[in-house]
Amino acid sequence: MSEAKVHVSMKQRIIIKFLRKVGRKPSEICKRLKRQYGDKTMSNVGISKWSRAFKNGRKTVENEPHEHWLRTSITGKNSDHVNALIWENR
């Protein structure tokens, strides 16, 4: 069976959730994650936030959906228009 590709931050959230469930404190979770992931460890603030969220009853490890800036300004039509304006007034 092949291992599914899971992003490193997702793996860390799963570990945080588990360790929080068995009563570990955020400081201990930080140390354990740093030993395991080194430079790829999420920030101490991030670990504390996720730890608090799981302590307060959060069930999921996925990010909540949120609004992103619409990327309507980067279209072929707009790009062509900008290029035309630049070439008009060099």
Protein backbone atom coordinates (compact mmCIF):
# COMPACT_ATOMS: atom_id res chain seq x y z
CA MET A 1 0.00 0.00 0.00
CA SER A 2 1.44 3.40 -0.95
CA GLU A 3 1.60 6.24 1.52
CA ALA A 4 -0.69 9.14 0.65
CA LYS A 5 1.04 12.50 0.29
CA VAL A 6 0.09 14.64 3.26
CA HIS A 7 1.50 18.15 3.66
CA VAL A 8 3.95 18.52 6.54
CA SER A 9 1.75 21.12 8.29
CA MET A 10 -1.18 18.70 8.20
CA LYS A 11 0.99 15.95 9.72
CA GLN A 12 2.02 18.31 12.49
CA ARG A 13 -1.60 19.26 13.24
CA ILE A 14 -2.50 15.58 13.53
CA ILE A 15 0.36 15.09 16.00
CA ILE A 16 -0.67 18.20 17.96
CA LYS A 17 -4.25 16.91 18.14
CA PHE A 18 -3.10 13.51 19.39
CA LEU A 19 -0.61 14.84 21.95
CA ARG A 20 -3.13 17.38 23.22
CA LYS A 21 -5.70 14.59 23.61
CA VAL A 22 -3.28 12.60 25.80
CA GLY A 23 -2.64 15.65 27.99
CA ARG A 24 0.66 17.04 26.68
CA LYS A 25 1.35 20.77 27.08
CA PRO A 26 2.12 23.01 24.09
CA SER A 27 5.74 23.48 25.23
CA GLU A 28 6.33 19.71 25.17
CA ILE A 29 4.56 19.42 21.82
CA CYS A 30 6.88 22.13 20.43
CA LYS A 31 9.98 20.25 21.57
CA ARG A 32 8.78 16.97 20.13
CA LEU A 33 7.84 18.51 16.78
CA LYS A 34 11.20 20.32 16.54
CA ARG A 35 13.02 17.03 17.12
CA GLN A 36 10.97 15.34 14.41
CA TYR A 37 10.69 18.10 11.76
CA GLY A 38 13.62 20.44 12.45
CA ASP A 39 13.46 23.53 10.22
CA LYS A 40 10.08 22.48 8.82
CA THR A 41 8.38 22.75 12.22
CA MET A 42 5.53 25.23 12.38
CA SER A 43 6.05 28.27 14.60
CA ASN A 44 5.60 28.13 18.37
CA VAL A 45 2.65 30.50 17.99
CA GLY A 46 1.06 28.21 15.40
CA ILE A 47 1.54 25.18 17.64
CA SER A 48 -0.02 27.05 20.57
CA LYS A 49 -3.00 28.20 18.48
CA TRP A 50 -3.71 24.70 17.17
CA SER A 51 -3.19 23.19 20.61
CA ARG A 52 -5.67 25.66 22.12
CA ALA A 53 -8.17 24.99 19.35
CA PHE A 54 -8.04 21.23 19.96
CA LYS A 55 -8.28 21.75 23.71
CA ASN A 56 -11.40 23.85 23.12
CA GLY A 57 -13.04 21.08 21.12
CA ARG A 58 -11.95 21.53 17.53
CA LYS A 59 -12.27 18.22 15.67
CA THR A 60 -10.74 18.83 12.23
CA VAL A 61 -7.10 19.37 11.28
CA GLU A 62 -7.94 21.07 7.98
CA ASN A 63 -7.91 24.83 7.57
CA GLU A 64 -11.30 26.49 7.68
CA PRO A 65 -12.49 27.79 4.32
CA HIS A 66 -11.84 31.49 3.89
CA GLU A 67 -12.20 34.12 1.23
CA HIS A 68 -9.27 34.84 -1.03
CA TRP A 69 -8.69 37.90 -3.13
CA LEU A 70 -10.20 37.34 -6.50
CA ARG A 71 -7.59 37.05 -9.20
CA THR A 72 -9.66 38.69 -11.89
CA SER A 73 -7.04 41.36 -12.51
CA ILE A 74 -4.62 38.82 -14.00
CA THR A 75 -6.29 37.85 -17.23
CA GLY A 76 -5.03 37.79 -20.78
CA LYS A 77 -7.36 40.65 -21.72
CA ASN A 78 -6.21 42.86 -18.85
CA SER A 79 -2.58 41.99 -19.46
CA ASP A 80 -2.89 42.92 -23.15
CA HIS A 81 -4.61 46.20 -22.19
CA VAL A 82 -1.82 47.13 -19.75
CA ASN A 83 0.85 46.28 -22.32
CA ALA A 84 -0.94 48.49 -24.89
CA LEU A 85 -1.04 51.39 -22.43
CA ILE A 86 2.65 51.02 -21.68
CA TRP A 87 3.58 50.95 -25.36
CA GLU A 88 1.40 54.03 -26.06
CA ASN A 89 3.15 56.22 -23.53
CA ARG A 90 6.79 55.18 -23.43
